[in-house]
Amino acid sequence: MRLVAAARPYVPGLAVLAAGALLANAVAGAVDGLQPLVVAVGLGALVGNTVGTPAAAEPGVGVDKLFLETGIVLLGAAVVVEEFLAAGPTVLGLVVVAVAGGLLLAELIARVLFRLDGTTPSLLAAGASICGVSAVVAIGRVLDARGSAITFAAATVLLFDAVTLVAFPIAGEWLGLTGRQFGVWAGVSMFSTGPVAAAGFAHSPEAGQWATVTKLARNSLLGGVAIAYSIAYTARSATEPGVRRLWAEFPKFLLGFLAVATIANSGLLSPAALDSIGRVSDALFTLAFVGLGFSIRIREMREVGGAAVGAVLVHLLVVSALALAAVRWLL
């Protein structure tokens, strides 16, 4: 009874996500070549910016992040380890260079070209170079940034999440990239995990897997970057509360993804079981992307400051151009 009572507030929102997912699959099935995940994001954004999210549905709709992380964990079952080991050093090298170089570039652009000061340049750099809003919040806490600065940087990142979610799949088709090339390019260049996965699967299933794995590699660097920023700003990273805080912000679903990938490639699971896990993962992604669409607020995007937008735009153009050249050459 307690479990039923605890779950009751989430039922209306979960019903909204389920209805959006069913409609997204129906629309994608009726239009040849249209991906359900793209439709799911579009439906969520349309409803969220016209009707809005009903108060009764907000708790359930807010579970979309859990669905996304669980879907990513289960996506590990679709990973063929041999294929990723072959390209692993190359992709990992691209990720490390993109994160390290991107952080320095974003700091330089924001502070020198656009005259931003305080912790804002670091928050923008973390959000653009590591894992979007999650990195903004994590680095913001490490640096004890003001709540207003964190909100401002997060809104800027969300603006580019919405733009790149549409722009990257279109660019990928126009550039004629293979699934692996597009997935790695999106995984290295875009910001938040949800939009990266959505853009990848909008191109192709192969691109979706490569985009997600590449993005997870970027996410895994969050702890190290947080320690570096803590040392640079306050030299407090060695304290026990700092360690606990870093662990609290570390993307733990990455560990689940690695565990599932290991089990799936050990031969312990039958092809039927792997297929079932894949279907569950796809369903969770569709539910999550409906919720992702609800989080896109056009009105709030208009309030983002011009200097922050300019700094992140320059960073995105430079990093994505260099990453595109690298994936064409190396992959």
C-alpha atoms as a PDB file:
ATOM      1  CA  MET A   1       0.000   0.000   0.000  1.00  0.00           C
ATOM      2  CA  ARG A   2       2.815   2.404   0.809  1.00  0.00           C
ATOM      3  CA  LEU A   3       4.388   1.708  -2.567  1.00  0.00           C
ATOM      4  CA  VAL A   4       1.094   2.416  -4.337  1.00  0.00           C
ATOM      5  CA  ALA A   5       0.626   5.633  -2.377  1.00  0.00           C
ATOM      6  CA  ALA A   6       4.184   6.756  -3.148  1.00  0.00           C
ATOM      7  CA  ALA A   7       3.750   6.050  -6.871  1.00  0.00           C
ATOM      8  CA  ARG A   8       0.348   7.719  -7.231  1.00  0.00           C
ATOM      9  CA  PRO A   9       1.668  11.304  -7.790  1.00  0.00           C
ATOM     10  CA  TYR A  10       3.717  10.068 -10.748  1.00  0.00           C
ATOM     11  CA  VAL A  11       0.879   8.339 -12.595  1.00  0.00           C
ATOM     12  CA  PRO A  12      -0.541  11.366 -14.520  1.00  0.00           C
ATOM     13  CA  GLY A  13       2.875  12.422 -15.812  1.00  0.00           C
ATOM     14  CA  LEU A  14       3.852   8.887 -16.741  1.00  0.00           C
ATOM     15  CA  ALA A  15       0.580   8.602 -18.650  1.00  0.00           C
ATOM     16  CA  VAL A  16       1.456  11.789 -20.552  1.00  0.00           C
ATOM     17  CA  LEU A  17       4.894  10.416 -21.453  1.00  0.00           C
ATOM     18  CA  ALA A  18       3.402   7.070 -22.513  1.00  0.00           C
ATOM     19  CA  ALA A  19       0.773   8.770 -24.694  1.00  0.00           C
ATOM     20  CA  GLY A  20       3.456  10.913 -26.323  1.00  0.00           C
ATOM     21  CA  ALA A  21       5.650   7.863 -26.946  1.00  0.00           C
ATOM     22  CA  LEU A  22       2.791   5.901 -28.537  1.00  0.00           C
ATOM     23  CA  LEU A  23       1.872   8.861 -30.737  1.00  0.00           C
ATOM     24  CA  ALA A  24       5.524   9.374 -31.726  1.00  0.00           C
ATOM     25  CA  ASN A  25       5.825   5.748 -32.824  1.00  0.00           C
ATOM     26  CA  ALA A  26       2.538   5.977 -34.738  1.00  0.00           C
ATOM     27  CA  VAL A  27       3.596   9.150 -36.581  1.00  0.00           C
ATOM     28  CA  ALA A  28       7.061   7.775 -37.357  1.00  0.00           C
ATOM     29  CA  GLY A  29       5.502   4.556 -38.627  1.00  0.00           C
ATOM     30  CA  ALA A  30       3.229   6.489 -40.966  1.00  0.00           C
ATOM     31  CA  VAL A  31       6.026   8.658 -42.411  1.00  0.00           C
ATOM     32  CA  ASP A  32       8.822   6.721 -44.077  1.00  0.00           C
ATOM     33  CA  GLY A  33      12.300   7.595 -42.819  1.00  0.00           C
ATOM     34  CA  LEU A  34      11.118   9.534 -39.742  1.00  0.00           C
ATOM     35  CA  GLN A  35      12.683   8.493 -36.423  1.00  0.00           C
ATOM     36  CA  PRO A  36      10.328   8.055 -33.409  1.00  0.00           C
ATOM     37  CA  LEU A  37      12.790   9.755 -31.070  1.00  0.00           C
ATOM     38  CA  VAL A  38      12.817  12.937 -33.144  1.00  0.00           C
ATOM     39  CA  VAL A  39       9.022  12.971 -33.210  1.00  0.00           C
ATOM     40  CA  ALA A  40       8.959  12.379 -29.443  1.00  0.00           C
ATOM     41  CA  VAL A  41      11.100  15.459 -28.770  1.00  0.00           C
ATOM     42  CA  GLY A  42       8.998  17.540 -31.162  1.00  0.00           C
ATOM     43  CA  LEU A  43       5.715  16.458 -29.580  1.00  0.00           C
ATOM     44  CA  GLY A  44       6.988  17.209 -26.087  1.00  0.00           C
ATOM     45  CA  ALA A  45       8.247  20.653 -27.111  1.00  0.00           C
ATOM     46  CA  LEU A  46       4.997  21.448 -28.939  1.00  0.00           C
ATOM     47  CA  VAL A  47       2.784  20.550 -25.992  1.00  0.00           C
ATOM     48  CA  GLY A  48       5.138  22.073 -23.430  1.00  0.00           C
ATOM     49  CA  ASN A  49       5.271  25.446 -25.208  1.00  0.00           C
ATOM     50  CA  THR A  50       1.556  25.654 -26.074  1.00  0.00           C
ATOM     51  CA  VAL A  51      -0.501  23.900 -23.439  1.00  0.00           C
ATOM     52  CA  GLY A  52       2.241  23.603 -20.830  1.00  0.00           C
ATOM     53  CA  THR A  53       2.789  20.838 -18.310  1.00  0.00           C
ATOM     54  CA  PRO A  54      -0.238  20.311 -16.034  1.00  0.00           C
ATOM     55  CA  ALA A  55       0.663  20.589 -12.360  1.00  0.00           C
ATOM     56  CA  ALA A  56      -0.598  17.064 -11.690  1.00  0.00           C
ATOM     57  CA  ALA A  57       1.684  15.700 -14.422  1.00  0.00           C
ATOM     58  CA  GLU A  58       4.908  17.461 -13.389  1.00  0.00           C
ATOM     59  CA  PRO A  59       6.232  14.745 -11.012  1.00  0.00           C
ATOM     60  CA  GLY A  60       5.790  11.985 -13.592  1.00  0.00           C
ATOM     61  CA  VAL A  61       7.118  14.024 -16.517  1.00  0.00           C
ATOM     62  CA  GLY A  62      10.166  14.821 -14.403  1.00  0.00           C
ATOM     63  CA  VAL A  63      11.106  11.130 -14.365  1.00  0.00           C
ATOM     64  CA  ASP A  64      12.361  11.472 -17.956  1.00  0.00           C
ATOM     65  CA  LYS A  65      15.993  11.733 -16.771  1.00  0.00           C
ATOM     66  CA  LEU A  66      15.680   8.372 -14.994  1.00  0.00           C
ATOM     67  CA  PHE A  67      14.273   6.820 -18.176  1.00  0.00           C
ATOM     68  CA  LEU A  68      17.134   8.289 -20.204  1.00  0.00           C
ATOM     69  CA  GLU A  69      19.825   7.012 -17.850  1.00  0.00           C
ATOM     70  CA  THR A  70      18.216   3.564 -17.610  1.00  0.00           C
ATOM     71  CA  GLY A  71      17.916   3.416 -21.400  1.00  0.00           C
ATOM     72  CA  ILE A  72      21.589   4.262 -21.734  1.00  0.00           C
ATOM     73  CA  VAL A  73      22.520   1.541 -19.230  1.00  0.00           C
ATOM     74  CA  LEU A  74      20.536  -1.034 -21.227  1.00  0.00           C
ATOM     75  CA  LEU A  75      22.036   0.283 -24.462  1.00  0.00           C
ATOM     76  CA  GLY A  76      25.230  -1.364 -23.291  1.00  0.00           C
ATOM     77  CA  ALA A  77      23.699  -4.671 -24.421  1.00  0.00           C
ATOM     78  CA  ALA A  78      23.859  -3.469 -28.046  1.00  0.00           C
ATOM     79  CA  VAL A  79      27.548  -2.616 -27.900  1.00  0.00           C
ATOM     80  CA  VAL A  80      29.888  -4.929 -29.789  1.00  0.00           C
ATOM     81  CA  VAL A  81      33.080  -4.639 -27.782  1.00  0.00           C
ATOM     82  CA  GLU A  82      35.389  -5.752 -30.598  1.00  0.00           C
ATOM     83  CA  GLU A  83      34.119  -2.982 -32.852  1.00  0.00           C
ATOM     84  CA  PHE A  84      34.597  -0.296 -30.231  1.00  0.00           C
ATOM     85  CA  LEU A  85      37.997  -1.579 -29.141  1.00  0.00           C
ATOM     86  CA  ALA A  86      39.183  -1.225 -32.727  1.00  0.00           C
ATOM     87  CA  ALA A  87      38.334   2.476 -32.765  1.00  0.00           C
ATOM     88  CA  GLY A  88      38.634   2.971 -29.001  1.00  0.00           C
ATOM     89  CA  PRO A  89      42.052   4.674 -28.797  1.00  0.00           C
ATOM     90  CA  THR A  90      41.162   7.012 -31.654  1.00  0.00           C
ATOM     91  CA  VAL A  91      37.773   7.967 -30.195  1.00  0.00           C
ATOM     92  CA  LEU A  92      39.175   8.300 -26.687  1.00  0.00           C
ATOM     93  CA  GLY A  93      41.940  10.529 -27.985  1.00  0.00           C
ATOM     94  CA  LEU A  94      39.400  12.743 -29.735  1.00  0.00           C
ATOM     95  CA  VAL A  95      37.346  12.967 -26.545  1.00  0.00           C
ATOM     96  CA  VAL A  96      40.292  13.931 -24.347  1.00  0.00           C
ATOM     97  CA  VAL A  97      41.540  16.544 -26.818  1.00  0.00           C
ATOM     98  CA  ALA A  98      38.033  17.953 -27.320  1.00  0.00           C
ATOM     99  CA  VAL A  99      37.381  18.263 -23.578  1.00  0.00           C
ATOM    100  CA  ALA A 100      40.778  19.675 -22.612  1.00  0.00           C
ATOM    101  CA  GLY A 101      41.047  21.957 -25.610  1.00  0.00           C
ATOM    102  CA  GLY A 102      37.382  22.915 -25.425  1.00  0.00           C
ATOM    103  CA  LEU A 103      37.644  23.995 -21.793  1.00  0.00           C
ATOM    104  CA  LEU A 104      40.641  26.224 -22.478  1.00  0.00           C
ATOM    105  CA  LEU A 105      39.089  27.608 -25.658  1.00  0.00           C
ATOM    106  CA  ALA A 106      35.762  28.397 -23.988  1.00  0.00           C
ATOM    107  CA  GLU A 107      37.469  30.137 -21.060  1.00  0.00           C
ATOM    108  CA  LEU A 108      39.566  32.219 -23.449  1.00  0.00           C
ATOM    109  CA  ILE A 109      36.632  33.172 -25.673  1.00  0.00           C
ATOM    110  CA  ALA A 110      34.351  34.064 -22.774  1.00  0.00           C
ATOM    111  CA  ARG A 111      36.905  36.071 -20.780  1.00  0.00           C
ATOM    112  CA  VAL A 112      38.905  37.759 -23.545  1.00  0.00           C
ATOM    113  CA  LEU A 113      36.527  38.178 -26.482  1.00  0.00           C
ATOM    114  CA  PHE A 114      33.228  38.636 -24.623  1.00  0.00           C
ATOM    115  CA  ARG A 115      34.514  40.130 -21.334  1.00  0.00           C
ATOM    116  CA  LEU A 116      32.598  37.741 -19.071  1.00  0.00           C
ATOM    117  CA  ASP A 117      33.998  37.408 -15.557  1.00  0.00           C
ATOM    118  CA  GLY A 118      33.529  35.514 -12.310  1.00  0.00           C
ATOM    119  CA  THR A 119      32.546  31.869 -12.468  1.00  0.00           C
ATOM    120  CA  THR A 120      30.295  32.262 -15.530  1.00  0.00           C
ATOM    121  CA  PRO A 121      33.027  31.491 -18.122  1.00  0.00           C
ATOM    122  CA  SER A 122      33.956  28.311 -16.247  1.00  0.00           C
ATOM    123  CA  LEU A 123      30.332  27.207 -16.014  1.00  0.00           C
ATOM    124  CA  LEU A 124      29.826  27.792 -19.739  1.00  0.00           C
ATOM    125  CA  ALA A 125      33.086  25.993 -20.534  1.00  0.00           C
ATOM    126  CA  ALA A 126      32.092  22.969 -18.454  1.00  0.00           C
ATOM    127  CA  GLY A 127      28.611  22.798 -19.932  1.00  0.00           C
ATOM    128  CA  ALA A 128      29.851  23.055 -23.506  1.00  0.00           C
ATOM    129  CA  SER A 129      32.870  20.775 -23.115  1.00  0.00           C
ATOM    130  CA  ILE A 130      31.714  17.944 -20.840  1.00  0.00           C
ATOM    131  CA  CYS A 131      28.076  17.056 -20.289  1.00  0.00           C
ATOM    132  CA  GLY A 132      25.782  20.053 -20.575  1.00  0.00           C
ATOM    133  CA  VAL A 133      23.615  21.138 -17.659  1.00  0.00           C
ATOM    134  CA  SER A 134      24.904  18.326 -15.428  1.00  0.00           C
ATOM    135  CA  ALA A 135      28.435  19.707 -15.747  1.00  0.00           C
ATOM    136  CA  VAL A 136      27.203  23.264 -15.130  1.00  0.00           C
ATOM    137  CA  VAL A 137      25.578  22.173 -11.867  1.00  0.00           C
ATOM    138  CA  ALA A 138      28.509  19.994 -10.771  1.00  0.00           C
ATOM    139  CA  ILE A 139      31.188  22.617 -11.476  1.00  0.00           C
ATOM    140  CA  GLY A 140      28.932  25.315 -10.046  1.00  0.00           C
ATOM    141  CA  ARG A 141      28.770  23.446  -6.736  1.00  0.00           C
ATOM    142  CA  VAL A 142      32.503  22.819  -6.700  1.00  0.00           C
ATOM    143  CA  LEU A 143      33.156  26.531  -7.243  1.00  0.00           C
ATOM    144  CA  ASP A 144      30.345  27.659  -4.911  1.00  0.00           C
ATOM    145  CA  ALA A 145      28.923  29.712  -7.779  1.00  0.00           C
ATOM    146  CA  ARG A 146      25.838  31.844  -7.211  1.00  0.00           C
ATOM    147  CA  GLY A 147      22.521  30.239  -8.080  1.00  0.00           C
ATOM    148  CA  SER A 148      21.847  32.962 -10.635  1.00  0.00           C
ATOM    149  CA  ALA A 149      25.130  32.211 -12.442  1.00  0.00           C
ATOM    150  CA  ILE A 150      24.328  28.491 -12.575  1.00  0.00           C
ATOM    151  CA  THR A 151      20.821  29.174 -13.901  1.00  0.00           C
ATOM    152  CA  PHE A 152      22.172  31.588 -16.516  1.00  0.00           C
ATOM    153  CA  ALA A 153      24.783  29.135 -17.774  1.00  0.00           C
ATOM    154  CA  ALA A 154      22.307  26.248 -17.750  1.00  0.00           C
ATOM    155  CA  ALA A 155      19.815  28.256 -19.816  1.00  0.00           C
ATOM    156  CA  THR A 156      22.520  29.040 -22.373  1.00  0.00           C
ATOM    157  CA  VAL A 157      23.416  25.359 -22.665  1.00  0.00           C
ATOM    158  CA  LEU A 158      19.746  24.394 -23.048  1.00  0.00           C
ATOM    159  CA  LEU A 159      19.378  26.901 -25.874  1.00  0.00           C
ATOM    160  CA  PHE A 160      22.178  25.211 -27.817  1.00  0.00           C
ATOM    161  CA  ASP A 161      20.855  21.764 -26.924  1.00  0.00           C
ATOM    162  CA  ALA A 162      17.633  22.675 -28.722  1.00  0.00           C
ATOM    163  CA  VAL A 163      19.419  24.208 -31.730  1.00  0.00           C
ATOM    164  CA  THR A 164      21.975  21.420 -32.209  1.00  0.00           C
ATOM    165  CA  LEU A 165      19.327  18.735 -31.793  1.00  0.00           C
ATOM    166  CA  VAL A 166      17.819  19.982 -35.059  1.00  0.00           C
ATOM    167  CA  ALA A 167      20.943  21.224 -36.837  1.00  0.00           C
ATOM    168  CA  PHE A 168      23.299  18.280 -36.415  1.00  0.00           C
ATOM    169  CA  PRO A 169      21.153  15.545 -38.061  1.00  0.00           C
ATOM    170  CA  ILE A 170      20.495  17.875 -40.999  1.00  0.00           C
ATOM    171  CA  ALA A 171      24.205  18.668 -41.301  1.00  0.00           C
ATOM    172  CA  GLY A 172      25.089  14.991 -41.037  1.00  0.00           C
ATOM    173  CA  GLU A 173      22.868  14.097 -43.983  1.00  0.00           C
ATOM    174  CA  TRP A 174      24.142  17.010 -46.036  1.00  0.00           C
ATOM    175  CA  LEU A 175      27.774  16.128 -45.330  1.00  0.00           C
ATOM    176  CA  GLY A 176      27.226  12.470 -46.196  1.00  0.00           C
ATOM    177  CA  LEU A 177      28.768  11.156 -42.967  1.00  0.00           C
ATOM    178  CA  THR A 178      28.650   7.457 -42.137  1.00  0.00           C
ATOM    179  CA  GLY A 179      26.859   6.342 -38.982  1.00  0.00           C
ATOM    180  CA  ARG A 180      30.111   5.996 -37.060  1.00  0.00           C
ATOM    181  CA  GLN A 181      31.476   9.334 -38.270  1.00  0.00           C
ATOM    182  CA  PHE A 182      28.293  11.201 -37.412  1.00  0.00           C
ATOM    183  CA  GLY A 183      27.925   9.513 -34.019  1.00  0.00           C
ATOM    184  CA  VAL A 184      31.468  10.363 -32.935  1.00  0.00           C
ATOM    185  CA  TRP A 185      31.156  13.895 -34.326  1.00  0.00           C
ATOM    186  CA  ALA A 186      27.927  14.542 -32.410  1.00  0.00           C
ATOM    187  CA  GLY A 187      29.286  12.848 -29.294  1.00  0.00           C
ATOM    188  CA  VAL A 188      32.370  15.070 -29.312  1.00  0.00           C
ATOM    189  CA  SER A 189      30.715  18.352 -30.331  1.00  0.00           C
ATOM    190  CA  MET A 190      27.225  18.582 -28.810  1.00  0.00           C
ATOM    191  CA  PHE A 191      26.561  19.322 -25.155  1.00  0.00           C
ATOM    192  CA  SER A 192      23.998  17.317 -23.148  1.00  0.00           C
ATOM    193  CA  THR A 193      23.556  13.542 -23.206  1.00  0.00           C
ATOM    194  CA  GLY A 194      19.866  13.515 -24.174  1.00  0.00           C
ATOM    195  CA  PRO A 195      20.189  15.680 -27.293  1.00  0.00           C
ATOM    196  CA  VAL A 196      23.364  13.823 -28.335  1.00  0.00           C
ATOM    197  CA  ALA A 197      21.573  10.476 -28.199  1.00  0.00           C
ATOM    198  CA  ALA A 198      18.509  11.900 -29.945  1.00  0.00           C
ATOM    199  CA  ALA A 199      20.585  13.425 -32.750  1.00  0.00           C
ATOM    200  CA  GLY A 200      22.539  10.209 -33.181  1.00  0.00           C
ATOM    201  CA  PHE A 201      19.468   7.998 -33.467  1.00  0.00           C
ATOM    202  CA  ALA A 202      17.873  10.571 -35.773  1.00  0.00           C
ATOM    203  CA  HIS A 203      20.695   9.795 -38.206  1.00  0.00           C
ATOM    204  CA  SER A 204      20.770   6.002 -37.801  1.00  0.00           C
ATOM    205  CA  PRO A 205      20.861   3.286 -35.107  1.00  0.00           C
ATOM    206  CA  GLU A 206      24.617   2.908 -35.627  1.00  0.00           C
ATOM    207  CA  ALA A 207      25.130   6.647 -35.200  1.00  0.00           C
ATOM    208  CA  GLY A 208      22.997   6.576 -32.054  1.00  0.00           C
ATOM    209  CA  GLN A 209      25.200   3.926 -30.464  1.00  0.00           C
ATOM    210  CA  TRP A 210      28.444   5.688 -31.390  1.00  0.00           C
ATOM    211  CA  ALA A 211      27.097   9.071 -30.254  1.00  0.00           C
ATOM    212  CA  THR A 212      26.024   7.675 -26.884  1.00  0.00           C
ATOM    213  CA  VAL A 213      29.266   5.814 -26.225  1.00  0.00           C
ATOM    214  CA  THR A 214      31.377   8.816 -27.249  1.00  0.00           C
ATOM    215  CA  LYS A 215      29.289  11.111 -25.050  1.00  0.00           C
ATOM    216  CA  LEU A 216      29.625   8.743 -22.098  1.00  0.00           C
ATOM    217  CA  ALA A 217      33.391   8.908 -22.524  1.00  0.00           C
ATOM    218  CA  ARG A 218      33.150  12.697 -22.231  1.00  0.00           C
ATOM    219  CA  ASN A 219      30.864  12.409 -19.198  1.00  0.00           C
ATOM    220  CA  SER A 220      33.386  10.172 -17.440  1.00  0.00           C
ATOM    221  CA  LEU A 221      35.874  13.052 -17.379  1.00  0.00           C
ATOM    222  CA  LEU A 222      33.594  15.200 -15.209  1.00  0.00           C
ATOM    223  CA  GLY A 223      35.211  14.143 -11.941  1.00  0.00           C
ATOM    224  CA  GLY A 224      38.712  14.962 -13.102  1.00  0.00           C
ATOM    225  CA  VAL A 225      37.667  18.312 -14.527  1.00  0.00           C
ATOM    226  CA  ALA A 226      35.828  19.161 -11.312  1.00  0.00           C
ATOM    227  CA  ILE A 227      38.966  18.425  -9.291  1.00  0.00           C
ATOM    228  CA  ALA A 228      41.052  20.590 -11.650  1.00  0.00           C
ATOM    229  CA  TYR A 229      38.633  23.505 -11.344  1.00  0.00           C
ATOM    230  CA  SER A 230      38.496  23.093  -7.576  1.00  0.00           C
ATOM    231  CA  ILE A 231      42.296  23.287  -7.388  1.00  0.00           C
ATOM    232  CA  ALA A 232      42.428  26.265  -9.754  1.00  0.00           C
ATOM    233  CA  TYR A 233      39.792  28.244  -7.862  1.00  0.00           C
ATOM    234  CA  THR A 234      39.973  27.229  -4.220  1.00  0.00           C
ATOM    235  CA  ALA A 235      42.499  24.370  -3.625  1.00  0.00           C
ATOM    236  CA  ARG A 236      39.814  22.553  -1.616  1.00  0.00           C
ATOM    237  CA  SER A 237      39.438  19.394  -3.692  1.00  0.00           C
ATOM    238  CA  ALA A 238      41.419  17.230  -1.289  1.00  0.00           C
ATOM    239  CA  THR A 239      38.925  17.638   1.594  1.00  0.00           C
ATOM    240  CA  GLU A 240      36.505  14.869   2.410  1.00  0.00           C
ATOM    241  CA  PRO A 241      33.331  16.943   1.748  1.00  0.00           C
ATOM    242  CA  GLY A 242      34.780  17.798  -1.682  1.00  0.00           C
ATOM    243  CA  VAL A 243      35.313  14.133  -2.488  1.00  0.00           C
ATOM    244  CA  ARG A 244      31.776  13.266  -1.425  1.00  0.00           C
ATOM    245  CA  ARG A 245      30.425  16.121  -3.501  1.00  0.00           C
ATOM    246  CA  LEU A 246      32.304  14.965  -6.601  1.00  0.00           C
ATOM    247  CA  TRP A 247      31.027  11.402  -6.162  1.00  0.00           C
ATOM    248  CA  ALA A 248      27.472  12.718  -5.752  1.00  0.00           C
ATOM    249  CA  GLU A 249      27.717  14.473  -9.120  1.00  0.00           C
ATOM    250  CA  PHE A 250      29.557  11.706 -10.975  1.00  0.00           C
ATOM    251  CA  PRO A 251      27.345  10.138 -13.718  1.00  0.00           C
ATOM    252  CA  LYS A 252      26.950   6.725 -12.053  1.00  0.00           C
ATOM    253  CA  PHE A 253      24.828   5.331 -14.884  1.00  0.00           C
ATOM    254  CA  LEU A 254      28.123   5.136 -16.815  1.00  0.00           C
ATOM    255  CA  LEU A 255      29.131   2.276 -14.506  1.00  0.00           C
ATOM    256  CA  GLY A 256      25.850   0.502 -15.236  1.00  0.00           C
ATOM    257  CA  PHE A 257      26.408   0.907 -18.971  1.00  0.00           C
ATOM    258  CA  LEU A 258      29.863  -0.660 -18.704  1.00  0.00           C
ATOM    259  CA  ALA A 259      28.512  -3.519 -16.578  1.00  0.00           C
ATOM    260  CA  VAL A 260      25.720  -4.340 -19.054  1.00  0.00           C
ATOM    261  CA  ALA A 261      28.129  -4.124 -22.001  1.00  0.00           C
ATOM    262  CA  THR A 262      30.487  -6.539 -20.250  1.00  0.00           C
ATOM    263  CA  ILE A 263      27.713  -9.039 -19.496  1.00  0.00           C
ATOM    264  CA  ALA A 264      26.282  -8.791 -23.018  1.00  0.00           C
ATOM    265  CA  ASN A 265      29.661  -9.501 -24.593  1.00  0.00           C
ATOM    266  CA  SER A 266      30.462 -12.390 -22.252  1.00  0.00           C
ATOM    267  CA  GLY A 267      28.040 -14.726 -24.003  1.00  0.00           C
ATOM    268  CA  LEU A 268      25.856 -15.181 -20.912  1.00  0.00           C
ATOM    269  CA  LEU A 269      22.756 -13.721 -22.594  1.00  0.00           C
ATOM    270  CA  SER A 270      20.885 -15.336 -25.470  1.00  0.00           C
ATOM    271  CA  PRO A 271      20.118 -13.425 -28.689  1.00  0.00           C
ATOM    272  CA  ALA A 272      16.445 -13.334 -27.641  1.00  0.00           C
ATOM    273  CA  ALA A 273      17.364 -11.760 -24.295  1.00  0.00           C
ATOM    274  CA  LEU A 274      19.563  -9.160 -25.992  1.00  0.00           C
ATOM    275  CA  ASP A 275      16.735  -8.369 -28.398  1.00  0.00           C
ATOM    276  CA  SER A 276      14.307  -7.896 -25.510  1.00  0.00           C
ATOM    277  CA  ILE A 277      16.745  -5.611 -23.706  1.00  0.00           C
ATOM    278  CA  GLY A 278      17.107  -3.580 -26.904  1.00  0.00           C
ATOM    279  CA  ARG A 279      13.347  -3.132 -27.203  1.00  0.00           C
ATOM    280  CA  VAL A 280      13.096  -1.993 -23.581  1.00  0.00           C
ATOM    281  CA  SER A 281      15.945   0.458 -24.150  1.00  0.00           C
ATOM    282  CA  ASP A 282      14.212   1.892 -27.227  1.00  0.00           C
ATOM    283  CA  ALA A 283      10.962   2.310 -25.284  1.00  0.00           C
ATOM    284  CA  LEU A 284      12.728   4.080 -22.417  1.00  0.00           C
ATOM    285  CA  PHE A 285      14.493   6.413 -24.853  1.00  0.00           C
ATOM    286  CA  THR A 286      11.170   7.345 -26.457  1.00  0.00           C
ATOM    287  CA  LEU A 287       9.599   8.117 -23.066  1.00  0.00           C
ATOM    288  CA  ALA A 288      12.676  10.124 -22.056  1.00  0.00           C
ATOM    289  CA  PHE A 289      12.693  12.169 -25.252  1.00  0.00           C
ATOM    290  CA  VAL A 290       9.048  13.144 -24.822  1.00  0.00           C
ATOM    291  CA  GLY A 291      10.049  14.500 -21.412  1.00  0.00           C
ATOM    292  CA  LEU A 292      13.114  16.162 -22.946  1.00  0.00           C
ATOM    293  CA  GLY A 293      10.801  18.024 -25.310  1.00  0.00           C
ATOM    294  CA  PHE A 294       8.728  19.267 -22.363  1.00  0.00           C
ATOM    295  CA  SER A 295      11.893  20.762 -20.837  1.00  0.00           C
ATOM    296  CA  ILE A 296      12.549  22.947 -23.909  1.00  0.00           C
ATOM    297  CA  ARG A 297      11.128  26.381 -23.105  1.00  0.00           C
ATOM    298  CA  ILE A 298      11.274  28.805 -26.029  1.00  0.00           C
ATOM    299  CA  ARG A 299      10.316  31.788 -23.859  1.00  0.00           C
ATOM    300  CA  GLU A 300      13.211  31.156 -21.480  1.00  0.00           C
ATOM    301  CA  MET A 301      15.637  30.759 -24.378  1.00  0.00           C
ATOM    302  CA  ARG A 302      14.887  34.334 -25.429  1.00  0.00           C
ATOM    303  CA  GLU A 303      16.106  35.648 -22.069  1.00  0.00           C
ATOM    304  CA  VAL A 304      19.636  34.279 -22.386  1.00  0.00           C
ATOM    305  CA  GLY A 305      22.292  36.985 -22.547  1.00  0.00           C
ATOM    306  CA  GLY A 306      23.885  37.858 -25.862  1.00  0.00           C
ATOM    307  CA  ALA A 307      27.486  37.657 -24.615  1.00  0.00           C
ATOM    308  CA  ALA A 308      27.024  34.125 -23.270  1.00  0.00           C
ATOM    309  CA  VAL A 309      25.312  33.015 -26.483  1.00  0.00           C
ATOM    310  CA  GLY A 310      28.099  34.535 -28.560  1.00  0.00           C
ATOM    311  CA  ALA A 311      30.832  32.870 -26.517  1.00  0.00           C
ATOM    312  CA  VAL A 312      29.221  29.430 -26.671  1.00  0.00           C
ATOM    313  CA  LEU A 313      28.404  29.829 -30.374  1.00  0.00           C
ATOM    314  CA  VAL A 314      32.026  30.599 -31.271  1.00  0.00           C
ATOM    315  CA  HIS A 315      33.153  27.649 -29.157  1.00  0.00           C
ATOM    316  CA  LEU A 316      30.649  25.298 -30.814  1.00  0.00           C
ATOM    317  CA  LEU A 317      31.606  26.358 -34.337  1.00  0.00           C
ATOM    318  CA  VAL A 318      35.339  25.947 -33.725  1.00  0.00           C
ATOM    319  CA  VAL A 319      35.106  22.629 -31.872  1.00  0.00           C
ATOM    320  CA  SER A 320      32.569  21.072 -34.242  1.00  0.00           C
ATOM    321  CA  ALA A 321      34.586  22.143 -37.318  1.00  0.00           C
ATOM    322  CA  LEU A 322      37.807  20.672 -35.931  1.00  0.00           C
ATOM    323  CA  ALA A 323      35.998  17.515 -34.786  1.00  0.00           C
ATOM    324  CA  LEU A 324      34.412  17.107 -38.219  1.00  0.00           C
ATOM    325  CA  ALA A 325      37.812  17.317 -39.901  1.00  0.00           C
ATOM    326  CA  ALA A 326      39.200  14.790 -37.424  1.00  0.00           C
ATOM    327  CA  VAL A 327      36.438  12.183 -37.862  1.00  0.00           C
ATOM    328  CA  ARG A 328      36.617  12.461 -41.662  1.00  0.00           C
ATOM    329  CA  TRP A 329      40.363  11.896 -41.533  1.00  0.00           C
ATOM    330  CA  LEU A 330      40.539   9.250 -38.785  1.00  0.00           C
ATOM    331  CA  LEU A 331      37.289   7.313 -39.190  1.00  0.00           C
END
